[in-house]
Protein backbone atom coordinates (compact mmCIF):
# COMPACT_ATOMS: atom_id res chain seq x y z
CA MET A 1 -2.25 -9.80 10.05
CA SER A 2 -3.56 -9.14 6.56
CA VAL A 3 -1.58 -6.57 4.55
CA THR A 4 -2.45 -5.57 0.98
CA LEU A 5 -0.57 -3.10 -1.20
CA PHE A 6 -2.55 -1.40 -3.96
CA THR A 7 0.02 -0.21 -6.47
CA THR A 8 0.22 1.43 -9.87
CA GLY A 9 3.97 0.89 -10.12
CA CYS A 10 4.77 4.56 -9.50
CA PRO A 11 7.96 5.61 -7.67
CA ARG A 12 6.13 6.02 -4.33
CA CYS A 13 4.58 2.57 -4.78
CA LYS A 14 8.05 1.10 -5.29
CA ILE A 15 9.38 2.86 -2.17
CA LEU A 16 6.58 1.44 -0.04
CA GLU A 17 6.96 -2.02 -1.54
CA ASP A 18 10.73 -1.96 -0.88
CA LYS A 19 10.18 -0.86 2.74
CA LEU A 20 7.64 -3.64 3.34
CA THR A 21 10.05 -6.18 1.90
CA ALA A 22 13.01 -4.84 3.91
CA LYS A 23 10.99 -5.20 7.13
CA ASN A 24 10.00 -8.77 6.17
CA ILE A 25 6.31 -7.86 6.28
CA LEU A 26 4.27 -10.35 4.28
CA PHE A 27 1.83 -8.64 1.93
CA SER A 28 -0.27 -9.27 -1.12
CA VAL A 29 -0.22 -6.98 -4.14
CA ILE A 30 -3.07 -5.65 -6.22
CA SER A 31 -1.83 -3.75 -9.24
CA GLY A 32 -2.84 -2.11 -12.47
CA GLU A 33 -6.40 -1.14 -13.31
CA ARG A 34 -7.81 -3.21 -10.46
CA ALA A 35 -5.66 -1.26 -7.99
CA ILE A 36 -6.76 2.09 -9.40
CA GLU A 37 -10.42 1.10 -9.13
CA SER A 38 -9.95 -0.16 -5.56
CA ILE A 39 -8.10 3.00 -4.50
CA GLN A 40 -10.86 5.21 -5.90
CA GLU A 41 -13.63 3.09 -4.39
CA ARG A 42 -12.03 3.62 -0.98
CA GLY A 43 -12.11 7.40 -1.47
CA TYR A 44 -8.42 7.97 -2.19
CA MET A 45 -7.08 9.78 -5.22
CA SER A 46 -3.43 8.72 -5.27
CA ALA A 47 -1.31 5.61 -5.06
CA PRO A 48 -0.08 3.68 -3.24
CA LEU A 49 -2.66 2.56 -0.73
CA LEU A 50 -1.87 0.09 2.03
CA SER A 51 -4.60 -1.86 3.79
CA VAL A 52 -3.74 -3.50 7.12
CA ASP A 53 -6.45 -5.63 8.68
CA GLY A 54 -9.05 -3.49 6.90
CA GLU A 55 -7.52 -0.11 7.83
CA ASP A 56 -6.59 1.89 4.73
CA MET A 57 -3.49 4.08 4.79
CA ASP A 58 -2.26 6.64 2.30
CA PHE A 59 1.45 6.81 1.46
CA GLY A 60 2.50 8.97 4.43
CA LYS A 61 0.59 6.97 7.01
CA ALA A 62 1.75 3.68 5.46
CA ILE A 63 5.41 4.72 5.60
CA ARG A 64 5.03 5.67 9.28
CA TRP A 65 3.31 2.33 9.99
CA VAL A 66 6.12 0.36 8.29
CA ASN A 67 8.83 2.37 10.06
CA GLU A 68 7.24 1.55 13.44
CA ARG A 69 7.60 -2.18 12.80
């Protein structure tokens, strides 16, 4: 499974990152300007964005996905 977190370092980004870590889900991080560009290119307007095997998830959907693990 390929999991990538696009983060700007905002409070919601930190919450999602902490939840991924607590569930021992391995993930890569893309941050800063590169993350912002990637988020916008995917049609989203807010951070964080989680991509799991090519499926993009906004914060709410990502939290639900993590909680189901």
